[in-house]
Amino acid sequence: MPDWNPTDHYKDVAVAERYDRERFSSIPGRVFNALEKGCVRKSFSDIPRKAAVLDVPAGTGRLAEVLLEDGFSVTGVDISKPMLEVATRKLERYGKRFQPRVADVRELAKIEPKRYDAALCARVLMHFPLEQQIQFLGSVTKLTKSRVVFNQSLSSPYQRLRRRVKQLLGNQPPAGYPISEDELAQLLAASGLRETGRLRPMALVSEAIYIIAEPL
């Protein structure tokens, strides 16, 4: 879909309402969902539970729920009001520990530096070219005092072969802009981060990778 715009796409109410059902209701979707949530939980396991965590983009609150279950207070930032409305309904039981906020993280970084103790940035960077990834992740870093956890799609020879096979079978590529190890190093450095660990939800069948990082 060459004209697909992720920013506009997720502002659609219908897209927001069916997002979780389309991606995570099948057996493979449920398995990946559980493994991905496990990565998030492990990435924040050593952070004090009194920490204020930024989740951006929060989307429908699927991963914010993991952090809330573990006792964190979470501010869910997303540019899409419909997605946050779904998240607010889903996470109502957590009360004021979940705070939805419709905003552009790049603008927030200009006015609220180092407001959050830690941050999660999942399922967004792979939709944009590397330069825009740096702008986005760099803004998250500016808002965060310590831990930044983000994910991307790793482009290796094996994963490039998998993507090619999937394209030949008519499947939609899972990420528009996967990155190589060299590009990942560039993304980290330009965003003011250093890697301290990484996790793979499904290494053999998914290019998804979670990076645990700290500000320089």
C-alpha atoms as a PDB file:
ATOM      1  CA  MET A   1       0.000   0.000   0.000  1.00  0.00           C
ATOM      2  CA  PRO A   2       2.283   2.812  -1.202  1.00  0.00           C
ATOM      3  CA  ASP A   3      -0.064   5.612  -0.098  1.00  0.00           C
ATOM      4  CA  TRP A   4      -0.660   4.184   3.378  1.00  0.00           C
ATOM      5  CA  ASN A   5      -0.112   6.842   6.049  1.00  0.00           C
ATOM      6  CA  PRO A   6       0.156   5.398   9.578  1.00  0.00           C
ATOM      7  CA  THR A   7      -0.530   8.756  11.229  1.00  0.00           C
ATOM      8  CA  ASP A   8      -3.865   9.193   9.445  1.00  0.00           C
ATOM      9  CA  HIS A   9      -4.724   5.484   9.416  1.00  0.00           C
ATOM     10  CA  TYR A  10      -4.868   5.101  13.202  1.00  0.00           C
ATOM     11  CA  LYS A  11      -7.008   8.207  13.679  1.00  0.00           C
ATOM     12  CA  ASP A  12      -9.902   6.343  12.077  1.00  0.00           C
ATOM     13  CA  VAL A  13     -12.465   5.288  14.682  1.00  0.00           C
ATOM     14  CA  ALA A  14     -13.273   2.010  12.898  1.00  0.00           C
ATOM     15  CA  VAL A  15      -9.575   1.103  12.700  1.00  0.00           C
ATOM     16  CA  ALA A  16      -9.156   1.765  16.414  1.00  0.00           C
ATOM     17  CA  GLU A  17     -12.183  -0.324  17.382  1.00  0.00           C
ATOM     18  CA  ARG A  18     -11.051  -3.396  15.434  1.00  0.00           C
ATOM     19  CA  TYR A  19      -7.284  -3.061  15.967  1.00  0.00           C
ATOM     20  CA  ASP A  20      -6.814  -5.663  18.705  1.00  0.00           C
ATOM     21  CA  ARG A  21      -9.331  -8.088  17.225  1.00  0.00           C
ATOM     22  CA  GLU A  22      -7.685  -8.099  13.791  1.00  0.00           C
ATOM     23  CA  ARG A  23      -4.146  -8.548  15.063  1.00  0.00           C
ATOM     24  CA  PHE A  24      -4.364 -10.603  18.207  1.00  0.00           C
ATOM     25  CA  SER A  25      -7.480 -12.810  18.115  1.00  0.00           C
ATOM     26  CA  SER A  26      -6.031 -15.592  15.929  1.00  0.00           C
ATOM     27  CA  ILE A  27      -3.910 -18.349  17.454  1.00  0.00           C
ATOM     28  CA  PRO A  28      -0.620 -16.912  16.067  1.00  0.00           C
ATOM     29  CA  GLY A  29      -1.746 -13.442  17.173  1.00  0.00           C
ATOM     30  CA  ARG A  30      -2.522 -14.633  20.712  1.00  0.00           C
ATOM     31  CA  VAL A  31       0.830 -16.417  20.958  1.00  0.00           C
ATOM     32  CA  PHE A  32       2.765 -13.379  19.768  1.00  0.00           C
ATOM     33  CA  ASN A  33       0.733 -11.122  22.049  1.00  0.00           C
ATOM     34  CA  ALA A  34       1.655 -13.223  25.079  1.00  0.00           C
ATOM     35  CA  LEU A  35       5.337 -13.376  24.125  1.00  0.00           C
ATOM     36  CA  GLU A  36       5.505  -9.648  23.399  1.00  0.00           C
ATOM     37  CA  LYS A  37       3.903  -8.824  26.739  1.00  0.00           C
ATOM     38  CA  GLY A  38       6.479 -11.081  28.360  1.00  0.00           C
ATOM     39  CA  CYS A  39       9.253  -9.034  26.759  1.00  0.00           C
ATOM     40  CA  VAL A  40       7.747  -5.809  28.083  1.00  0.00           C
ATOM     41  CA  ARG A  41       7.344  -7.237  31.586  1.00  0.00           C
ATOM     42  CA  LYS A  42      10.941  -8.484  31.646  1.00  0.00           C
ATOM     43  CA  SER A  43      12.278  -5.178  30.274  1.00  0.00           C
ATOM     44  CA  PHE A  44      10.817  -3.272  33.239  1.00  0.00           C
ATOM     45  CA  SER A  45      11.261  -5.951  35.907  1.00  0.00           C
ATOM     46  CA  ASP A  46      14.032  -4.095  37.759  1.00  0.00           C
ATOM     47  CA  ILE A  47      12.351  -0.669  37.697  1.00  0.00           C
ATOM     48  CA  PRO A  48      10.842   0.502  41.044  1.00  0.00           C
ATOM     49  CA  ARG A  49       7.071   0.103  40.994  1.00  0.00           C
ATOM     50  CA  LYS A  50       6.586   3.726  42.065  1.00  0.00           C
ATOM     51  CA  ALA A  51       8.009   4.816  38.696  1.00  0.00           C
ATOM     52  CA  ALA A  52       5.983   6.939  36.303  1.00  0.00           C
ATOM     53  CA  VAL A  53       6.154   5.300  32.880  1.00  0.00           C
ATOM     54  CA  LEU A  54       5.481   6.896  29.507  1.00  0.00           C
ATOM     55  CA  ASP A  55       3.884   4.615  26.898  1.00  0.00           C
ATOM     56  CA  VAL A  56       4.111   6.173  23.455  1.00  0.00           C
ATOM     57  CA  PRO A  57       2.323   5.472  21.236  1.00  0.00           C
ATOM     58  CA  ALA A  58      -0.086   3.848  23.670  1.00  0.00           C
ATOM     59  CA  GLY A  59      -2.552   2.778  20.988  1.00  0.00           C
ATOM     60  CA  THR A  60      -5.358   0.689  22.494  1.00  0.00           C
ATOM     61  CA  GLY A  61      -3.480   0.205  25.758  1.00  0.00           C
ATOM     62  CA  ARG A  62      -2.495  -3.397  25.061  1.00  0.00           C
ATOM     63  CA  LEU A  63       1.048  -3.040  26.400  1.00  0.00           C
ATOM     64  CA  ALA A  64       0.216  -0.340  28.953  1.00  0.00           C
ATOM     65  CA  GLU A  65      -1.930  -3.005  30.600  1.00  0.00           C
ATOM     66  CA  VAL A  66       1.192  -5.071  31.327  1.00  0.00           C
ATOM     67  CA  LEU A  67       2.831  -2.125  33.099  1.00  0.00           C
ATOM     68  CA  LEU A  68      -0.330  -1.346  35.047  1.00  0.00           C
ATOM     69  CA  GLU A  69      -0.672  -4.979  36.117  1.00  0.00           C
ATOM     70  CA  ASP A  70       2.848  -4.756  37.520  1.00  0.00           C
ATOM     71  CA  GLY A  71       1.978  -1.678  39.589  1.00  0.00           C
ATOM     72  CA  PHE A  72       3.355   1.207  37.540  1.00  0.00           C
ATOM     73  CA  SER A  73       1.571   4.473  36.855  1.00  0.00           C
ATOM     74  CA  VAL A  74       1.335   4.952  33.093  1.00  0.00           C
ATOM     75  CA  THR A  75       0.757   7.988  30.914  1.00  0.00           C
ATOM     76  CA  GLY A  76      -0.420   6.780  27.523  1.00  0.00           C
ATOM     77  CA  VAL A  77       0.410   9.262  24.784  1.00  0.00           C
ATOM     78  CA  ASP A  78      -0.895   8.832  21.259  1.00  0.00           C
ATOM     79  CA  ILE A  79      -1.641  11.123  18.353  1.00  0.00           C
ATOM     80  CA  SER A  80      -4.878   9.189  17.765  1.00  0.00           C
ATOM     81  CA  LYS A  81      -7.824  10.107  19.982  1.00  0.00           C
ATOM     82  CA  PRO A  82      -9.887   7.072  18.868  1.00  0.00           C
ATOM     83  CA  MET A  83      -7.096   4.664  19.859  1.00  0.00           C
ATOM     84  CA  LEU A  84      -6.812   6.274  23.290  1.00  0.00           C
ATOM     85  CA  GLU A  85     -10.578   6.117  23.755  1.00  0.00           C
ATOM     86  CA  VAL A  86     -10.369   2.343  23.301  1.00  0.00           C
ATOM     87  CA  ALA A  87      -7.458   2.234  25.755  1.00  0.00           C
ATOM     88  CA  THR A  88      -9.340   4.280  28.334  1.00  0.00           C
ATOM     89  CA  ARG A  89     -12.310   1.910  28.234  1.00  0.00           C
ATOM     90  CA  LYS A  90     -10.096  -1.145  28.431  1.00  0.00           C
ATOM     91  CA  LEU A  91      -8.018   0.181  31.336  1.00  0.00           C
ATOM     92  CA  GLU A  92     -10.791   1.838  33.331  1.00  0.00           C
ATOM     93  CA  ARG A  93     -10.281  -0.555  36.252  1.00  0.00           C
ATOM     94  CA  TYR A  94      -6.840   0.951  36.931  1.00  0.00           C
ATOM     95  CA  GLY A  95      -8.347   4.339  37.714  1.00  0.00           C
ATOM     96  CA  LYS A  96      -6.000   7.308  37.809  1.00  0.00           C
ATOM     97  CA  ARG A  97      -2.916   5.122  37.408  1.00  0.00           C
ATOM     98  CA  PHE A  98      -3.596   5.314  33.662  1.00  0.00           C
ATOM     99  CA  GLN A  99      -3.640   8.799  32.180  1.00  0.00           C
ATOM    100  CA  PRO A 100      -4.431   9.068  28.436  1.00  0.00           C
ATOM    101  CA  ARG A 101      -3.047  12.046  26.591  1.00  0.00           C
ATOM    102  CA  VAL A 102      -3.619  12.974  22.939  1.00  0.00           C
ATOM    103  CA  ALA A 103      -0.356  14.594  21.840  1.00  0.00           C
ATOM    104  CA  ASP A 104       2.637  14.451  19.521  1.00  0.00           C
ATOM    105  CA  VAL A 105       5.657  13.246  21.505  1.00  0.00           C
ATOM    106  CA  ARG A 106       7.943  15.510  19.482  1.00  0.00           C
ATOM    107  CA  GLU A 107       6.062  18.534  20.786  1.00  0.00           C
ATOM    108  CA  LEU A 108       5.933  17.244  24.356  1.00  0.00           C
ATOM    109  CA  ALA A 109       9.713  16.833  24.391  1.00  0.00           C
ATOM    110  CA  LYS A 110      10.104  20.573  23.873  1.00  0.00           C
ATOM    111  CA  ILE A 111       8.130  21.518  26.964  1.00  0.00           C
ATOM    112  CA  GLU A 112       8.380  18.596  29.414  1.00  0.00           C
ATOM    113  CA  PRO A 113      11.980  17.320  29.477  1.00  0.00           C
ATOM    114  CA  LYS A 114      12.766  14.428  31.842  1.00  0.00           C
ATOM    115  CA  ARG A 115       9.200  14.197  33.146  1.00  0.00           C
ATOM    116  CA  TYR A 116       8.989  10.384  33.212  1.00  0.00           C
ATOM    117  CA  ASP A 117      11.095   7.799  35.011  1.00  0.00           C
ATOM    118  CA  ALA A 118      10.985   5.301  32.150  1.00  0.00           C
ATOM    119  CA  ALA A 119       9.401   4.880  28.744  1.00  0.00           C
ATOM    120  CA  LEU A 120       8.037   2.246  26.387  1.00  0.00           C
ATOM    121  CA  CYS A 121       8.042   2.991  22.652  1.00  0.00           C
ATOM    122  CA  ALA A 122       6.566   0.027  20.785  1.00  0.00           C
ATOM    123  CA  ARG A 123       5.188  -0.750  17.317  1.00  0.00           C
ATOM    124  CA  VAL A 124       5.813   2.628  15.719  1.00  0.00           C
ATOM    125  CA  LEU A 125       9.391   3.149  14.555  1.00  0.00           C
ATOM    126  CA  MET A 126       9.195   0.531  11.796  1.00  0.00           C
ATOM    127  CA  HIS A 127       6.549   2.607  10.010  1.00  0.00           C
ATOM    128  CA  PHE A 128       8.940   5.484   9.254  1.00  0.00           C
ATOM    129  CA  PRO A 129      12.321   6.101   7.557  1.00  0.00           C
ATOM    130  CA  LEU A 130      15.381   6.137   9.807  1.00  0.00           C
ATOM    131  CA  GLU A 131      15.567   9.938  10.017  1.00  0.00           C
ATOM    132  CA  GLN A 132      12.017  10.111  11.390  1.00  0.00           C
ATOM    133  CA  GLN A 133      12.716   7.183  13.716  1.00  0.00           C
ATOM    134  CA  ILE A 134      15.578   9.208  15.198  1.00  0.00           C
ATOM    135  CA  GLN A 135      13.327  12.244  15.675  1.00  0.00           C
ATOM    136  CA  PHE A 136      10.656  10.168  17.402  1.00  0.00           C
ATOM    137  CA  LEU A 137      12.923   8.099  19.631  1.00  0.00           C
ATOM    138  CA  GLY A 138      15.091  11.111  20.412  1.00  0.00           C
ATOM    139  CA  SER A 139      11.984  12.891  21.697  1.00  0.00           C
ATOM    140  CA  VAL A 140      11.152   9.912  23.917  1.00  0.00           C
ATOM    141  CA  THR A 141      14.692  10.057  25.326  1.00  0.00           C
ATOM    142  CA  LYS A 142      14.334  13.748  26.131  1.00  0.00           C
ATOM    143  CA  LEU A 143      11.180  13.010  28.130  1.00  0.00           C
ATOM    144  CA  THR A 144      12.742  10.174  30.127  1.00  0.00           C
ATOM    145  CA  LYS A 145      15.079  10.092  33.112  1.00  0.00           C
ATOM    146  CA  SER A 146      16.343   6.528  32.790  1.00  0.00           C
ATOM    147  CA  ARG A 147      15.064   3.356  31.052  1.00  0.00           C
ATOM    148  CA  VAL A 148      13.839   3.515  27.443  1.00  0.00           C
ATOM    149  CA  VAL A 149      12.484   0.306  25.925  1.00  0.00           C
ATOM    150  CA  PHE A 150      11.641   0.282  22.234  1.00  0.00           C
ATOM    151  CA  ASN A 151      11.047  -2.239  19.514  1.00  0.00           C
ATOM    152  CA  GLN A 152      11.866  -2.448  15.851  1.00  0.00           C
ATOM    153  CA  SER A 153      12.026  -4.997  13.070  1.00  0.00           C
ATOM    154  CA  LEU A 154      15.530  -6.321  12.548  1.00  0.00           C
ATOM    155  CA  SER A 155      16.655  -6.774   8.963  1.00  0.00           C
ATOM    156  CA  SER A 156      19.002  -9.767   8.726  1.00  0.00           C
ATOM    157  CA  PRO A 157      19.684 -12.019   5.696  1.00  0.00           C
ATOM    158  CA  TYR A 158      17.337 -14.631   7.182  1.00  0.00           C
ATOM    159  CA  GLN A 159      14.579 -12.127   7.863  1.00  0.00           C
ATOM    160  CA  ARG A 160      14.971 -10.542   4.421  1.00  0.00           C
ATOM    161  CA  LEU A 161      14.447 -14.003   2.901  1.00  0.00           C
ATOM    162  CA  ARG A 162      11.328 -14.485   5.036  1.00  0.00           C
ATOM    163  CA  ARG A 163       9.978 -11.111   3.941  1.00  0.00           C
ATOM    164  CA  ARG A 164      10.597 -11.964   0.298  1.00  0.00           C
ATOM    165  CA  VAL A 165       8.759 -15.298   0.619  1.00  0.00           C
ATOM    166  CA  LYS A 166       5.827 -13.591   2.345  1.00  0.00           C
ATOM    167  CA  GLN A 167       5.644 -10.988  -0.409  1.00  0.00           C
ATOM    168  CA  LEU A 168       5.643 -13.702  -3.073  1.00  0.00           C
ATOM    169  CA  LEU A 169       2.749 -15.328  -1.222  1.00  0.00           C
ATOM    170  CA  GLY A 170       0.868 -12.037  -1.301  1.00  0.00           C
ATOM    171  CA  ASN A 171       1.204 -11.204   2.403  1.00  0.00           C
ATOM    172  CA  GLN A 172       1.532  -7.621   3.586  1.00  0.00           C
ATOM    173  CA  PRO A 173       5.065  -6.846   4.903  1.00  0.00           C
ATOM    174  CA  PRO A 174       5.002  -6.508   8.710  1.00  0.00           C
ATOM    175  CA  ALA A 175       7.157  -3.372   8.702  1.00  0.00           C
ATOM    176  CA  GLY A 176       7.821  -0.675   6.156  1.00  0.00           C
ATOM    177  CA  TYR A 177      11.282   0.238   7.443  1.00  0.00           C
ATOM    178  CA  PRO A 178      13.106  -2.612   9.207  1.00  0.00           C
ATOM    179  CA  ILE A 179      16.677  -1.778  10.159  1.00  0.00           C
ATOM    180  CA  SER A 180      20.053  -3.492  10.073  1.00  0.00           C
ATOM    181  CA  GLU A 181      22.409  -3.769  13.045  1.00  0.00           C
ATOM    182  CA  ASP A 182      24.391  -0.801  11.706  1.00  0.00           C
ATOM    183  CA  GLU A 183      21.223   1.278  11.410  1.00  0.00           C
ATOM    184  CA  LEU A 184      20.186   0.225  14.903  1.00  0.00           C
ATOM    185  CA  ALA A 185      23.519   1.498  16.227  1.00  0.00           C
ATOM    186  CA  GLN A 186      22.946   4.764  14.376  1.00  0.00           C
ATOM    187  CA  LEU A 187      19.401   5.045  15.762  1.00  0.00           C
ATOM    188  CA  LEU A 188      20.612   4.543  19.323  1.00  0.00           C
ATOM    189  CA  ALA A 189      23.489   7.011  19.095  1.00  0.00           C
ATOM    190  CA  ALA A 190      21.486   9.726  17.356  1.00  0.00           C
ATOM    191  CA  SER A 191      18.645   9.324  19.884  1.00  0.00           C
ATOM    192  CA  GLY A 192      21.018   9.742  22.826  1.00  0.00           C
ATOM    193  CA  LEU A 193      20.790   6.126  24.001  1.00  0.00           C
ATOM    194  CA  ARG A 194      23.048   3.159  24.689  1.00  0.00           C
ATOM    195  CA  GLU A 195      21.822  -0.411  24.494  1.00  0.00           C
ATOM    196  CA  THR A 196      21.924  -2.461  27.703  1.00  0.00           C
ATOM    197  CA  GLY A 197      19.973  -5.508  26.549  1.00  0.00           C
ATOM    198  CA  ARG A 198      17.681  -7.006  23.931  1.00  0.00           C
ATOM    199  CA  LEU A 199      14.862  -9.523  23.751  1.00  0.00           C
ATOM    200  CA  ARG A 200      13.256 -11.417  20.865  1.00  0.00           C
ATOM    201  CA  PRO A 201       9.595 -12.506  21.208  1.00  0.00           C
ATOM    202  CA  MET A 202       9.823 -15.131  18.430  1.00  0.00           C
ATOM    203  CA  ALA A 203      13.327 -15.160  16.981  1.00  0.00           C
ATOM    204  CA  LEU A 204      12.763 -17.839  14.316  1.00  0.00           C
ATOM    205  CA  VAL A 205       9.475 -16.581  12.901  1.00  0.00           C
ATOM    206  CA  SER A 206       9.428 -12.855  13.661  1.00  0.00           C
ATOM    207  CA  GLU A 207      11.803  -9.981  12.953  1.00  0.00           C
ATOM    208  CA  ALA A 208      10.574  -8.108  16.061  1.00  0.00           C
ATOM    209  CA  ILE A 209      13.240  -7.140  18.578  1.00  0.00           C
ATOM    210  CA  TYR A 210      12.987  -5.264  21.871  1.00  0.00           C
ATOM    211  CA  ILE A 211      15.891  -3.022  22.851  1.00  0.00           C
ATOM    212  CA  ILE A 212      16.496  -2.011  26.466  1.00  0.00           C
ATOM    213  CA  ALA A 213      18.446   1.239  26.623  1.00  0.00           C
ATOM    214  CA  GLU A 214      19.572   4.045  28.914  1.00  0.00           C
ATOM    215  CA  PRO A 215      20.182   7.727  28.103  1.00  0.00           C
ATOM    216  CA  LEU A 216      23.802   8.641  27.486  1.00  0.00           C
END
